[in-house]
Amino acid sequence: MAFQASKADHRRNWLLAALEPKDFACLEAHLEAVTLPKGTIFYEAGDPIRYTYFPHDAIVGLGNVMEEGQFVEVASFGREGLFGLISAIVSRESFGRYKVQVPGTASRITLDRMQQEIRARPKLRRLVLGYTEALLAQTFQTVSCNAVHTVEARCCNWILSTRARIDEDMLPLTHADLAELLGVQRSTVSTVLRTFQTQGLIIQQRGGIIIADRAGIEEMACECYGKIRQTFARLLPVPSSWT
């Protein structure tokens, strides 16, 4: 469950920040700030989608729960994007589980209002379409990455993408969190992180990890991390720090 936040700068979300003043003002009148506690599940597969969310510093994952209970990460959403819109174009039903991976805040607007504003505002529509293409490209790259690249490289990708989204070296990701995100056993993640710590790349602590050598982690990441960032930079007005 999301809780109403007392204050928020809606433009902490990069899509909202990129809007022209007139378009932003029309959305702002209908936006409300909410806090997203870790582990919150917004929707399960088939649930009706009522809101579109623009994360500020929270990260929300979309995953598929298989019949035997395994959770498979499909996409994730941070301050570079939005969720609760693209998967509700026709049916308005979620086709997976939306779960908060990293807690924080977000701005939300009703799905009805968001769709109305998209129809009325060409520049907003263009921005959303650009994000949709970037998200599809990200999903395409991630599927390929999961099939051929090592757990170590994929773990580095996740560490770097989380750092880019929250602007902090202290990442509130536990071994269990990373195991779920990477689709591997917790023991596998523990081994990988122990190796990273021995190499001086990270410092492990209760409830998360601290990046100690960002450049070293970037060297160990695979090509997918850079390709995804380049795609977002090509299609969207993201800050220079993203590229």
Protein backbone atom coordinates (compact mmCIF):
# COMPACT_ATOMS: atom_id res chain seq x y z
CA MET A 1 0.00 0.00 0.00
CA ALA A 2 1.24 3.50 -0.84
CA PHE A 3 0.91 6.23 1.78
CA GLN A 4 0.37 9.91 1.11
CA ALA A 5 3.55 11.93 1.55
CA SER A 6 3.50 15.35 3.18
CA LYS A 7 5.84 17.01 0.69
CA ALA A 8 7.32 16.17 -2.66
CA ASP A 9 9.06 17.72 -5.60
CA HIS A 10 7.26 16.04 -8.49
CA ARG A 11 10.11 17.01 -10.81
CA ARG A 12 12.46 14.62 -9.06
CA ASN A 13 11.08 12.21 -11.64
CA TRP A 14 12.96 12.80 -14.89
CA LEU A 15 9.92 12.44 -17.14
CA LEU A 16 7.98 15.03 -15.19
CA ALA A 17 11.06 17.26 -15.09
CA ALA A 18 11.31 17.11 -18.88
CA LEU A 19 7.80 18.40 -19.48
CA GLU A 20 7.29 21.92 -20.70
CA PRO A 21 5.81 24.23 -18.02
CA LYS A 22 2.33 24.28 -19.55
CA ASP A 23 2.10 20.49 -19.82
CA PHE A 24 3.57 19.98 -16.37
CA ALA A 25 1.11 22.46 -14.81
CA CYS A 26 -1.83 20.50 -16.22
CA LEU A 27 -0.50 17.27 -14.74
CA GLU A 28 0.62 18.84 -11.47
CA ALA A 29 -2.94 19.79 -10.58
CA HIS A 30 -3.79 16.09 -10.43
CA LEU A 31 -0.57 14.65 -8.97
CA GLU A 32 -0.24 13.51 -5.39
CA ALA A 33 2.92 12.50 -3.57
CA VAL A 34 3.03 9.06 -1.95
CA THR A 35 5.59 7.01 -0.05
CA LEU A 36 6.37 3.49 -1.25
CA PRO A 37 7.43 1.17 1.60
CA LYS A 38 9.79 -1.65 0.70
CA GLY A 39 8.06 -4.86 -0.29
CA THR A 40 4.77 -3.15 -1.15
CA ILE A 41 2.88 -5.04 -3.84
CA PHE A 42 0.75 -2.70 -5.94
CA TYR A 43 -0.76 -5.18 -8.33
CA GLU A 44 -0.86 -8.90 -8.98
CA ALA A 45 -1.53 -10.33 -12.44
CA GLY A 46 -5.10 -9.53 -13.46
CA ASP A 47 -5.62 -6.74 -10.91
CA PRO A 48 -7.22 -3.56 -12.25
CA ILE A 49 -4.74 -0.68 -12.64
CA ARG A 50 -6.03 2.59 -11.24
CA TYR A 51 -2.96 4.84 -11.02
CA THR A 52 0.11 5.79 -12.99
CA TYR A 53 3.19 6.28 -10.78
CA PHE A 54 6.29 8.41 -11.38
CA PRO A 55 9.02 7.25 -8.95
CA HIS A 56 11.37 9.79 -7.37
CA ASP A 57 13.92 7.64 -5.55
CA ALA A 58 11.97 4.39 -5.22
CA ILE A 59 12.53 1.42 -7.52
CA VAL A 60 9.62 -0.83 -8.46
CA GLY A 61 9.97 -4.14 -10.24
CA LEU A 62 7.54 -5.92 -12.54
CA GLY A 63 7.77 -9.67 -12.42
CA ASN A 64 6.00 -12.83 -13.46
CA VAL A 65 5.01 -15.38 -10.81
CA MET A 66 5.18 -18.86 -12.32
CA GLU A 67 2.78 -21.67 -11.41
CA GLU A 68 5.38 -23.30 -9.16
CA GLY A 69 5.95 -20.04 -7.31
CA GLN A 70 9.16 -18.76 -8.90
CA PHE A 71 9.33 -15.00 -9.38
CA VAL A 72 10.99 -13.81 -12.60
CA GLU A 73 11.96 -10.15 -12.94
CA VAL A 74 10.81 -8.67 -16.26
CA ALA A 75 11.35 -4.91 -15.89
CA SER A 76 12.08 -2.27 -13.26
CA PHE A 77 11.11 1.36 -12.93
CA GLY A 78 12.92 4.25 -11.27
CA ARG A 79 13.04 8.01 -11.57
CA GLU A 80 13.78 7.73 -15.28
CA GLY A 81 10.29 6.43 -16.00
CA LEU A 82 6.80 5.53 -14.90
CA PHE A 83 4.67 2.45 -14.29
CA GLY A 84 0.98 1.63 -14.36
CA LEU A 85 0.31 2.97 -17.83
CA ILE A 86 1.91 0.94 -20.61
CA SER A 87 0.46 -2.34 -19.35
CA ALA A 88 -3.03 -0.82 -19.11
CA ILE A 89 -3.56 0.48 -22.63
CA VAL A 90 -6.48 -1.78 -23.47
CA SER A 91 -7.44 -4.21 -20.71
CA ARG A 92 -6.42 -2.00 -17.77
CA GLU A 93 -5.29 -5.17 -16.04
CA SER A 94 -1.82 -5.84 -14.68
CA PHE A 95 -0.03 -8.69 -16.42
CA GLY A 96 2.39 -9.23 -13.54
CA ARG A 97 3.35 -8.34 -10.00
CA TYR A 98 4.49 -4.80 -9.26
CA LYS A 99 6.63 -4.78 -6.13
CA VAL A 100 8.71 -2.07 -4.41
CA GLN A 101 12.35 -3.15 -4.41
CA VAL A 102 13.87 0.06 -3.00
CA PRO A 103 11.65 2.26 -0.81
CA GLY A 104 11.14 5.93 -1.48
CA THR A 105 8.56 8.35 -2.83
CA ALA A 106 6.65 8.83 -6.04
CA SER A 107 4.03 11.01 -7.68
CA ARG A 108 0.83 9.39 -8.84
CA ILE A 109 -2.12 10.34 -11.00
CA THR A 110 -5.26 8.39 -11.82
CA LEU A 111 -5.00 6.29 -14.95
CA ASP A 112 -8.10 7.95 -16.41
CA ARG A 113 -6.63 11.43 -16.01
CA MET A 114 -3.23 10.36 -17.37
CA GLN A 115 -4.77 8.86 -20.49
CA GLN A 116 -6.91 11.96 -20.97
CA GLU A 117 -3.87 14.26 -20.76
CA ILE A 118 -1.89 12.08 -23.18
CA ARG A 119 -4.67 12.34 -25.76
CA ALA A 120 -4.86 16.12 -25.33
CA ARG A 121 -1.12 16.97 -25.23
CA PRO A 122 1.09 15.93 -28.18
CA LYS A 123 4.40 16.65 -26.44
CA LEU A 124 3.40 14.58 -23.42
CA ARG A 125 2.32 11.79 -25.76
CA ARG A 126 5.68 11.94 -27.55
CA LEU A 127 7.53 11.71 -24.24
CA VAL A 128 5.52 8.69 -23.13
CA LEU A 129 6.06 6.98 -26.49
CA GLY A 130 9.80 7.62 -26.21
CA TYR A 131 9.82 6.05 -22.78
CA THR A 132 7.79 3.09 -24.05
CA GLU A 133 10.36 2.42 -26.77
CA ALA A 134 13.23 2.74 -24.27
CA LEU A 135 11.51 0.32 -21.90
CA LEU A 136 10.98 -2.23 -24.67
CA ALA A 137 14.64 -1.92 -25.64
CA GLN A 138 15.64 -2.39 -22.00
CA THR A 139 13.50 -5.52 -21.73
CA PHE A 140 14.98 -6.88 -24.97
CA GLN A 141 18.52 -6.32 -23.70
CA THR A 142 17.74 -7.77 -20.27
CA VAL A 143 16.31 -10.98 -21.70
CA SER A 144 19.45 -11.42 -23.78
CA CYS A 145 21.66 -10.62 -20.79
CA ASN A 146 19.92 -13.15 -18.56
CA ALA A 147 20.46 -15.83 -21.19
CA VAL A 148 24.18 -15.41 -21.85
CA HIS A 149 25.96 -13.32 -19.22
CA THR A 150 27.34 -14.38 -15.85
CA VAL A 151 25.67 -13.80 -12.51
CA GLU A 152 28.66 -11.64 -11.52
CA ALA A 153 28.19 -9.30 -14.49
CA ARG A 154 24.44 -9.12 -14.03
CA CYS A 155 24.88 -8.36 -10.34
CA CYS A 156 27.22 -5.48 -11.26
CA ASN A 157 24.57 -4.18 -13.67
CA TRP A 158 22.00 -4.14 -10.89
CA ILE A 159 24.33 -2.42 -8.45
CA LEU A 160 25.12 0.30 -10.99
CA SER A 161 21.54 0.86 -12.12
CA THR A 162 20.37 1.13 -8.51
CA ARG A 163 23.14 3.65 -7.80
CA ALA A 164 22.11 5.73 -10.81
CA ARG A 165 18.49 5.79 -9.71
CA ILE A 166 18.95 6.78 -6.05
CA ASP A 167 22.21 8.80 -6.20
CA GLU A 168 23.69 7.06 -3.17
CA ASP A 169 26.56 4.63 -2.64
CA MET A 170 24.66 2.91 0.15
CA LEU A 171 22.23 0.54 -1.55
CA PRO A 172 19.41 -0.98 0.53
CA LEU A 173 19.66 -4.32 -1.28
CA THR A 174 19.98 -7.50 0.75
CA HIS A 175 21.23 -10.87 -0.45
CA ALA A 176 17.61 -12.02 -0.65
CA ASP A 177 16.67 -8.97 -2.74
CA LEU A 178 19.44 -9.54 -5.26
CA ALA A 179 18.70 -13.27 -5.44
CA GLU A 180 15.10 -12.50 -6.40
CA LEU A 181 16.11 -9.82 -8.91
CA LEU A 182 18.72 -12.03 -10.55
CA GLY A 183 16.65 -15.20 -10.43
CA VAL A 184 19.30 -17.24 -8.56
CA GLN A 185 19.74 -18.88 -5.18
CA ARG A 186 20.56 -16.69 -2.21
CA SER A 187 23.72 -18.73 -1.61
CA THR A 188 24.90 -17.80 -5.11
CA VAL A 189 24.49 -14.09 -4.37
CA SER A 190 26.29 -14.48 -1.04
CA THR A 191 29.26 -16.03 -2.83
CA VAL A 192 29.33 -13.29 -5.47
CA LEU A 193 29.13 -10.45 -2.94
CA ARG A 194 31.76 -12.03 -0.74
CA THR A 195 34.08 -12.10 -3.76
CA PHE A 196 33.27 -8.47 -4.57
CA GLN A 197 34.10 -7.47 -1.01
CA THR A 198 37.41 -9.33 -1.11
CA GLN A 199 38.24 -7.46 -4.31
CA GLY A 200 37.46 -4.14 -2.62
CA LEU A 201 34.48 -3.36 -4.84
CA ILE A 202 31.84 -3.23 -2.11
CA ILE A 203 31.42 -3.23 1.66
CA GLN A 204 28.70 -5.45 3.04
CA GLN A 205 26.64 -4.38 6.01
CA ARG A 206 23.36 -5.34 7.58
CA GLY A 207 20.47 -4.43 5.30
CA GLY A 208 22.51 -3.44 2.27
CA ILE A 209 25.83 -2.88 0.54
CA ILE A 210 28.11 0.13 0.06
CA ILE A 211 29.84 0.79 -3.26
CA ALA A 212 33.55 1.18 -2.56
CA ASP A 213 34.96 1.08 -6.11
CA ARG A 214 32.42 2.21 -8.69
CA ALA A 215 34.93 2.17 -11.54
CA GLY A 216 35.88 -1.41 -10.70
CA ILE A 217 32.24 -2.48 -10.75
CA GLU A 218 31.75 -0.79 -14.11
CA GLU A 219 34.67 -2.80 -15.51
CA MET A 220 33.02 -6.04 -14.37
CA ALA A 221 29.57 -5.15 -15.71
CA CYS A 222 28.64 -6.52 -19.12
CA GLU A 223 27.83 -4.55 -22.27
CA CYS A 224 24.12 -4.52 -21.44
CA TYR A 225 24.37 -1.86 -18.74
CA GLY A 226 25.96 0.63 -21.13
CA LYS A 227 23.63 -0.21 -24.02
CA ILE A 228 20.53 0.36 -21.92
CA ARG A 229 21.81 3.73 -20.73
CA GLN A 230 22.66 4.77 -24.28
CA THR A 231 19.17 3.87 -25.45
CA PHE A 232 17.54 5.96 -22.73
CA ALA A 233 19.87 8.87 -23.52
CA ARG A 234 18.96 8.64 -27.22
CA LEU A 235 15.19 8.53 -26.68
CA LEU A 236 14.67 10.64 -23.57
CA PRO A 237 15.96 13.91 -22.05
CA VAL A 238 17.83 12.22 -19.19
CA PRO A 239 20.53 14.07 -17.19
CA SER A 240 24.15 13.82 -18.34
CA SER A 241 24.93 11.74 -15.25
CA TRP A 242 22.81 8.92 -16.72
CA THR A 243 25.05 8.64 -19.75
